[in-house]
Amino acid sequence: MADNAQPNRPLSPHLSIYRVQMNSTMSIFHRLAGIGLAVSAMVLVWWFLAAATGAAYFRFVDGLLTSWIGLLVLAISAWAFWYHFLNGLRHLRWDMGNGLGLKSSARTGWYALIGSVVMTAVTIWMAM
């Protein structure tokens, strides 16, 4: 019969010995950006519904979205859009079989991250 005793070792790398990699970090932020974009879309729909409901309610919602916290949320939403878009292009490139090496994937990760910050700044600057 086979020995059914569990070996005395961890089942997966523990956080104390696991070094965070660029690809895993980018993947986590890609998912968070996607969730943030879904929430941002709901806020946009709320703004449209407020406009359709009446002037008083629209003034309330518009005042909330144009306050400093609303503008901060919009700026973070702009970053999430650009990050998700550029990282999606990176994944599309991988789907074609290009850039799958460690150095190439790390380099394109930095391109997506820096590009998202630059494009967010350009978007905010163009909106002013």
N, C-alpha and C. Protein backbone atom coordinates (compact mmCIF):
# COMPACT_ATOMS: atom_id res chain seq x y z
N MET A 1 0.83 -1.18 0.00
CA MET A 1 0.00 0.00 0.00
C MET A 1 0.88 1.24 0.00
N ALA A 2 0.32 2.28 -0.50
CA ALA A 2 1.05 3.55 -0.57
C ALA A 2 1.05 4.22 0.80
N ASP A 3 2.11 4.95 1.06
CA ASP A 3 2.21 5.69 2.32
C ASP A 3 1.38 6.96 2.22
N ASN A 4 0.33 7.07 3.00
CA ASN A 4 -0.57 8.22 2.95
C ASN A 4 -0.17 9.33 3.91
N ALA A 5 0.97 9.26 4.52
CA ALA A 5 1.40 10.28 5.47
C ALA A 5 1.73 11.57 4.71
N GLN A 6 1.30 12.67 5.26
CA GLN A 6 1.57 13.98 4.65
C GLN A 6 3.03 14.37 4.91
N PRO A 7 3.73 14.79 3.85
CA PRO A 7 5.11 15.24 4.07
C PRO A 7 5.10 16.55 4.87
N ASN A 8 6.12 16.75 5.66
CA ASN A 8 6.22 17.93 6.51
C ASN A 8 6.89 19.07 5.74
N ARG A 9 6.17 19.64 4.79
CA ARG A 9 6.71 20.76 4.01
C ARG A 9 5.54 21.66 3.58
N PRO A 10 5.83 22.93 3.31
CA PRO A 10 4.74 23.82 2.89
C PRO A 10 4.21 23.43 1.52
N LEU A 11 2.93 23.71 1.31
CA LEU A 11 2.30 23.36 0.03
C LEU A 11 2.63 24.37 -1.06
N SER A 12 2.94 25.59 -0.69
CA SER A 12 3.28 26.61 -1.66
C SER A 12 4.34 27.53 -1.05
N PRO A 13 5.01 28.33 -1.87
CA PRO A 13 6.03 29.22 -1.31
C PRO A 13 5.44 30.17 -0.28
N HIS A 14 6.09 30.29 0.83
CA HIS A 14 5.63 31.18 1.88
C HIS A 14 6.03 32.61 1.54
N LEU A 15 5.28 33.57 2.07
CA LEU A 15 5.56 34.97 1.77
C LEU A 15 6.94 35.42 2.23
N SER A 16 7.48 34.75 3.23
CA SER A 16 8.80 35.16 3.72
C SER A 16 9.92 34.76 2.76
N ILE A 17 9.68 33.79 1.88
CA ILE A 17 10.73 33.39 0.93
C ILE A 17 10.37 33.73 -0.51
N TYR A 18 9.15 34.17 -0.74
CA TYR A 18 8.71 34.47 -2.09
C TYR A 18 9.01 35.92 -2.43
N ARG A 19 9.70 36.14 -3.53
CA ARG A 19 10.00 37.50 -3.98
C ARG A 19 8.91 37.93 -4.96
N VAL A 20 8.30 39.08 -4.68
CA VAL A 20 7.23 39.58 -5.54
C VAL A 20 7.81 39.92 -6.91
N GLN A 21 7.15 39.44 -7.94
CA GLN A 21 7.63 39.65 -9.31
C GLN A 21 6.81 40.73 -10.00
N MET A 22 7.39 41.30 -11.04
CA MET A 22 6.73 42.34 -11.80
C MET A 22 5.41 41.83 -12.40
N ASN A 23 5.43 40.64 -12.97
CA ASN A 23 4.22 40.12 -13.62
C ASN A 23 3.09 39.88 -12.64
N SER A 24 3.40 39.38 -11.45
CA SER A 24 2.33 39.13 -10.48
C SER A 24 1.75 40.44 -9.98
N THR A 25 2.60 41.43 -9.75
CA THR A 25 2.12 42.74 -9.31
C THR A 25 1.26 43.39 -10.39
N MET A 26 1.72 43.32 -11.64
CA MET A 26 0.95 43.91 -12.74
C MET A 26 -0.39 43.20 -12.90
N SER A 27 -0.42 41.90 -12.70
CA SER A 27 -1.66 41.14 -12.82
C SER A 27 -2.66 41.56 -11.74
N ILE A 28 -2.17 41.71 -10.52
CA ILE A 28 -3.05 42.12 -9.42
C ILE A 28 -3.62 43.51 -9.70
N PHE A 29 -2.76 44.45 -10.12
CA PHE A 29 -3.24 45.80 -10.41
C PHE A 29 -4.16 45.84 -11.63
N HIS A 30 -3.93 44.94 -12.60
CA HIS A 30 -4.82 44.87 -13.76
C HIS A 30 -6.23 44.48 -13.33
N ARG A 31 -6.32 43.53 -12.45
CA ARG A 31 -7.63 43.10 -11.94
C ARG A 31 -8.29 44.20 -11.10
N LEU A 32 -7.49 44.85 -10.25
CA LEU A 32 -8.04 45.95 -9.44
C LEU A 32 -8.49 47.12 -10.32
N ALA A 33 -7.73 47.40 -11.36
CA ALA A 33 -8.12 48.48 -12.28
C ALA A 33 -9.43 48.13 -12.99
N GLY A 34 -9.60 46.87 -13.36
CA GLY A 34 -10.85 46.44 -13.99
C GLY A 34 -12.04 46.60 -13.06
N ILE A 35 -11.86 46.25 -11.79
CA ILE A 35 -12.93 46.42 -10.81
C ILE A 35 -13.21 47.91 -10.62
N GLY A 36 -12.15 48.71 -10.54
CA GLY A 36 -12.32 50.16 -10.41
C GLY A 36 -13.05 50.77 -11.59
N LEU A 37 -12.78 50.27 -12.79
CA LEU A 37 -13.49 50.78 -13.97
C LEU A 37 -14.97 50.42 -13.93
N ALA A 38 -15.31 49.26 -13.41
CA ALA A 38 -16.71 48.88 -13.27
C ALA A 38 -17.42 49.81 -12.28
N VAL A 39 -16.75 50.13 -11.17
CA VAL A 39 -17.33 51.06 -10.20
C VAL A 39 -17.45 52.45 -10.81
N SER A 40 -16.45 52.87 -11.57
CA SER A 40 -16.50 54.18 -12.23
C SER A 40 -17.65 54.25 -13.23
N ALA A 41 -17.91 53.15 -13.92
CA ALA A 41 -19.03 53.11 -14.86
C ALA A 41 -20.36 53.27 -14.13
N MET A 42 -20.46 52.68 -12.94
CA MET A 42 -21.68 52.83 -12.15
C MET A 42 -21.85 54.28 -11.67
N VAL A 43 -20.75 54.94 -11.33
CA VAL A 43 -20.82 56.35 -10.93
C VAL A 43 -21.26 57.20 -12.12
N LEU A 44 -20.77 56.90 -13.31
CA LEU A 44 -21.19 57.63 -14.51
C LEU A 44 -22.68 57.43 -14.79
N VAL A 45 -23.15 56.21 -14.63
CA VAL A 45 -24.59 55.94 -14.82
C VAL A 45 -25.40 56.69 -13.76
N TRP A 46 -24.91 56.75 -12.53
CA TRP A 46 -25.58 57.50 -11.47
C TRP A 46 -25.68 58.97 -11.84
N TRP A 47 -24.62 59.52 -12.42
CA TRP A 47 -24.62 60.92 -12.85
C TRP A 47 -25.65 61.15 -13.95
N PHE A 48 -25.71 60.23 -14.93
CA PHE A 48 -26.72 60.33 -16.00
C PHE A 48 -28.14 60.21 -15.45
N LEU A 49 -28.35 59.28 -14.51
CA LEU A 49 -29.67 59.13 -13.92
C LEU A 49 -30.07 60.37 -13.13
N ALA A 50 -29.11 60.98 -12.47
CA ALA A 50 -29.39 62.22 -11.73
C ALA A 50 -29.79 63.32 -12.70
N ALA A 51 -29.15 63.37 -13.86
CA ALA A 51 -29.51 64.38 -14.86
C ALA A 51 -30.91 64.14 -15.39
N ALA A 52 -31.31 62.89 -15.50
CA ALA A 52 -32.64 62.57 -16.00
C ALA A 52 -33.71 62.73 -14.93
N THR A 53 -33.32 62.67 -13.65
CA THR A 53 -34.28 62.74 -12.56
C THR A 53 -34.80 64.15 -12.32
N GLY A 54 -33.89 65.10 -12.23
CA GLY A 54 -34.32 66.47 -11.96
C GLY A 54 -33.13 67.37 -11.67
N ALA A 55 -33.39 68.66 -11.74
CA ALA A 55 -32.31 69.64 -11.59
C ALA A 55 -31.71 69.63 -10.18
N ALA A 56 -32.54 69.50 -9.16
CA ALA A 56 -32.04 69.56 -7.79
C ALA A 56 -31.15 68.35 -7.48
N TYR A 57 -31.60 67.18 -7.87
CA TYR A 57 -30.80 65.98 -7.61
C TYR A 57 -29.52 65.99 -8.44
N PHE A 58 -29.61 66.49 -9.68
CA PHE A 58 -28.42 66.58 -10.52
C PHE A 58 -27.40 67.53 -9.90
N ARG A 59 -27.85 68.66 -9.36
CA ARG A 59 -26.92 69.60 -8.71
C ARG A 59 -26.21 68.93 -7.54
N PHE A 60 -26.95 68.11 -6.78
CA PHE A 60 -26.35 67.40 -5.65
C PHE A 60 -25.26 66.43 -6.13
N VAL A 61 -25.60 65.59 -7.11
CA VAL A 61 -24.65 64.59 -7.60
C VAL A 61 -23.48 65.27 -8.30
N ASP A 62 -23.77 66.27 -9.11
CA ASP A 62 -22.71 66.98 -9.81
C ASP A 62 -21.80 67.71 -8.83
N GLY A 63 -22.36 68.27 -7.79
CA GLY A 63 -21.54 68.90 -6.76
C GLY A 63 -20.64 67.91 -6.05
N LEU A 64 -21.16 66.71 -5.83
CA LEU A 64 -20.36 65.67 -5.20
C LEU A 64 -19.21 65.23 -6.11
N LEU A 65 -19.50 65.06 -7.39
CA LEU A 65 -18.48 64.60 -8.32
C LEU A 65 -17.47 65.68 -8.68
N THR A 66 -17.82 66.93 -8.51
CA THR A 66 -16.86 68.01 -8.80
C THR A 66 -16.18 68.53 -7.54
N SER A 67 -16.45 67.91 -6.39
CA SER A 67 -15.73 68.26 -5.17
C SER A 67 -14.32 67.69 -5.27
N TRP A 68 -13.49 67.98 -4.29
CA TRP A 68 -12.10 67.50 -4.36
C TRP A 68 -12.03 65.98 -4.32
N ILE A 69 -12.91 65.36 -3.56
CA ILE A 69 -12.88 63.89 -3.50
C ILE A 69 -13.42 63.29 -4.79
N GLY A 70 -14.42 63.93 -5.38
CA GLY A 70 -14.94 63.46 -6.65
C GLY A 70 -13.91 63.58 -7.76
N LEU A 71 -13.17 64.69 -7.76
CA LEU A 71 -12.12 64.88 -8.76
C LEU A 71 -10.98 63.89 -8.55
N LEU A 72 -10.70 63.56 -7.30
CA LEU A 72 -9.69 62.55 -7.01
C LEU A 72 -10.13 61.19 -7.54
N VAL A 73 -11.40 60.86 -7.33
CA VAL A 73 -11.94 59.59 -7.85
C VAL A 73 -11.87 59.58 -9.37
N LEU A 74 -12.18 60.70 -10.01
CA LEU A 74 -12.11 60.77 -11.48
C LEU A 74 -10.67 60.63 -11.97
N ALA A 75 -9.72 61.22 -11.26
CA ALA A 75 -8.31 61.09 -11.64
C ALA A 75 -7.84 59.64 -11.49
N ILE A 76 -8.24 58.98 -10.41
CA ILE A 76 -7.88 57.58 -10.22
C ILE A 76 -8.55 56.71 -11.28
N SER A 77 -9.77 57.07 -11.65
CA SER A 77 -10.47 56.34 -12.71
C SER A 77 -9.78 56.50 -14.05
N ALA A 78 -9.27 57.70 -14.32
CA ALA A 78 -8.52 57.93 -15.56
C ALA A 78 -7.26 57.07 -15.57
N TRP A 79 -6.55 57.01 -14.42
CA TRP A 79 -5.36 56.17 -14.36
C TRP A 79 -5.74 54.70 -14.57
N ALA A 80 -6.83 54.26 -13.93
CA ALA A 80 -7.25 52.87 -14.08
C ALA A 80 -7.57 52.54 -15.53
N PHE A 81 -8.20 53.49 -16.23
CA PHE A 81 -8.50 53.27 -17.65
C PHE A 81 -7.23 53.09 -18.46
N TRP A 82 -6.31 54.03 -18.31
CA TRP A 82 -5.08 53.96 -19.12
C TRP A 82 -4.23 52.75 -18.74
N TYR A 83 -4.16 52.43 -17.46
CA TYR A 83 -3.39 51.27 -17.04
C TYR A 83 -4.00 49.99 -17.60
N HIS A 84 -5.31 49.85 -17.47
CA HIS A 84 -5.99 48.66 -17.96
C HIS A 84 -5.84 48.54 -19.48
N PHE A 85 -5.94 49.67 -20.17
CA PHE A 85 -5.80 49.68 -21.63
C PHE A 85 -4.40 49.26 -22.06
N LEU A 86 -3.37 49.91 -21.50
CA LEU A 86 -2.00 49.61 -21.90
C LEU A 86 -1.58 48.21 -21.47
N ASN A 87 -2.00 47.78 -20.32
CA ASN A 87 -1.68 46.42 -19.88
C ASN A 87 -2.45 45.40 -20.73
N GLY A 88 -3.64 45.77 -21.20
CA GLY A 88 -4.37 44.89 -22.11
C GLY A 88 -3.65 44.73 -23.44
N LEU A 89 -3.03 45.83 -23.93
CA LEU A 89 -2.22 45.72 -25.14
C LEU A 89 -1.03 44.79 -24.93
N ARG A 90 -0.47 44.86 -23.74
CA ARG A 90 0.64 43.98 -23.38
C ARG A 90 0.19 42.52 -23.41
N HIS A 91 -0.99 42.25 -22.87
CA HIS A 91 -1.53 40.88 -22.89
C HIS A 91 -1.86 40.45 -24.31
N LEU A 92 -2.34 41.37 -25.13
CA LEU A 92 -2.63 41.04 -26.52
C LEU A 92 -1.35 40.64 -27.25
N ARG A 93 -0.27 41.33 -26.95
CA ARG A 93 1.03 40.99 -27.54
C ARG A 93 1.46 39.58 -27.09
N TRP A 94 1.22 39.27 -25.82
CA TRP A 94 1.55 37.93 -25.33
C TRP A 94 0.71 36.87 -26.03
N ASP A 95 -0.56 37.19 -26.29
CA ASP A 95 -1.44 36.23 -26.96
C ASP A 95 -0.95 35.91 -28.37
N MET A 96 -0.21 36.84 -28.96
CA MET A 96 0.36 36.58 -30.28
C MET A 96 1.69 35.84 -30.19
N GLY A 97 2.14 35.55 -28.97
CA GLY A 97 3.36 34.79 -28.78
C GLY A 97 4.62 35.64 -28.72
N ASN A 98 4.48 36.95 -28.57
CA ASN A 98 5.63 37.86 -28.53
C ASN A 98 5.85 38.38 -27.12
N GLY A 99 7.11 38.62 -26.77
CA GLY A 99 7.44 39.25 -25.50
C GLY A 99 7.19 38.41 -24.27
N LEU A 100 7.35 37.11 -24.39
CA LEU A 100 7.07 36.23 -23.26
C LEU A 100 8.28 36.00 -22.36
N GLY A 101 9.44 36.51 -22.73
CA GLY A 101 10.63 36.34 -21.91
C GLY A 101 10.55 37.18 -20.64
N LEU A 102 11.37 36.83 -19.66
CA LEU A 102 11.34 37.54 -18.38
C LEU A 102 11.72 39.01 -18.53
N LYS A 103 12.80 39.29 -19.26
CA LYS A 103 13.24 40.68 -19.43
C LYS A 103 12.23 41.48 -20.23
N SER A 104 11.71 40.88 -21.29
CA SER A 104 10.75 41.57 -22.15
C SER A 104 9.44 41.85 -21.40
N SER A 105 8.97 40.89 -20.62
CA SER A 105 7.72 41.10 -19.90
C SER A 105 7.89 42.15 -18.80
N ALA A 106 9.05 42.17 -18.15
CA ALA A 106 9.31 43.20 -17.14
C ALA A 106 9.41 44.57 -17.79
N ARG A 107 10.08 44.65 -18.93
CA ARG A 107 10.22 45.93 -19.63
C ARG A 107 8.86 46.47 -20.08
N THR A 108 8.04 45.62 -20.67
CA THR A 108 6.72 46.09 -21.12
C THR A 108 5.82 46.41 -19.94
N GLY A 109 6.06 45.75 -18.80
CA GLY A 109 5.32 46.10 -17.59
C GLY A 109 5.64 47.52 -17.15
N TRP A 110 6.92 47.86 -17.17
CA TRP A 110 7.30 49.24 -16.83
C TRP A 110 6.75 50.23 -17.86
N TYR A 111 6.74 49.85 -19.14
CA TYR A 111 6.16 50.72 -20.17
C TYR A 111 4.68 50.99 -19.87
N ALA A 112 3.95 49.95 -19.52
CA ALA A 112 2.53 50.11 -19.23
C ALA A 112 2.31 50.98 -18.00
N LEU A 113 3.12 50.76 -16.96
CA LEU A 113 2.97 51.53 -15.73
C LEU A 113 3.32 53.01 -15.94
N ILE A 114 4.46 53.28 -16.54
CA ILE A 114 4.87 54.66 -16.79
C ILE A 114 3.95 55.32 -17.81
N GLY A 115 3.58 54.58 -18.84
CA GLY A 115 2.67 55.11 -19.85
C GLY A 115 1.31 55.48 -19.27
N SER A 116 0.83 54.70 -18.32
CA SER A 116 -0.47 55.01 -17.72
C SER A 116 -0.40 56.30 -16.91
N VAL A 117 0.71 56.52 -16.21
CA VAL A 117 0.86 57.75 -15.44
C VAL A 117 0.96 58.96 -16.39
N VAL A 118 1.74 58.82 -17.46
CA VAL A 118 1.88 59.91 -18.43
C VAL A 118 0.55 60.21 -19.10
N MET A 119 -0.16 59.18 -19.54
CA MET A 119 -1.44 59.40 -20.22
C MET A 119 -2.49 59.97 -19.27
N THR A 120 -2.44 59.60 -18.00
CA THR A 120 -3.34 60.20 -17.02
C THR A 120 -3.06 61.68 -16.86
N ALA A 121 -1.78 62.03 -16.79
CA ALA A 121 -1.41 63.45 -16.68
C ALA A 121 -1.86 64.22 -17.92
N VAL A 122 -1.69 63.63 -19.09
CA VAL A 122 -2.14 64.28 -20.33
C VAL A 122 -3.66 64.44 -20.34
N THR A 123 -4.37 63.42 -19.89
CA THR A 123 -5.84 63.48 -19.84
C THR A 123 -6.30 64.58 -18.89
N ILE A 124 -5.71 64.67 -17.72
CA ILE A 124 -6.09 65.70 -16.75
C ILE A 124 -5.73 67.08 -17.29
N TRP A 125 -4.56 67.18 -17.91
CA TRP A 125 -4.15 68.47 -18.48
C TRP A 125 -5.09 68.90 -19.60
N MET A 126 -5.52 67.97 -20.45
CA MET A 126 -6.44 68.29 -21.55
C MET A 126 -7.83 68.64 -21.03
N ALA A 127 -8.21 68.11 -19.87
CA ALA A 127 -9.54 68.38 -19.31
C ALA A 127 -9.61 69.75 -18.64
N MET A 128 -8.47 70.32 -18.32
CA MET A 128 -8.49 71.62 -17.62
C MET A 128 -8.78 72.77 -18.55
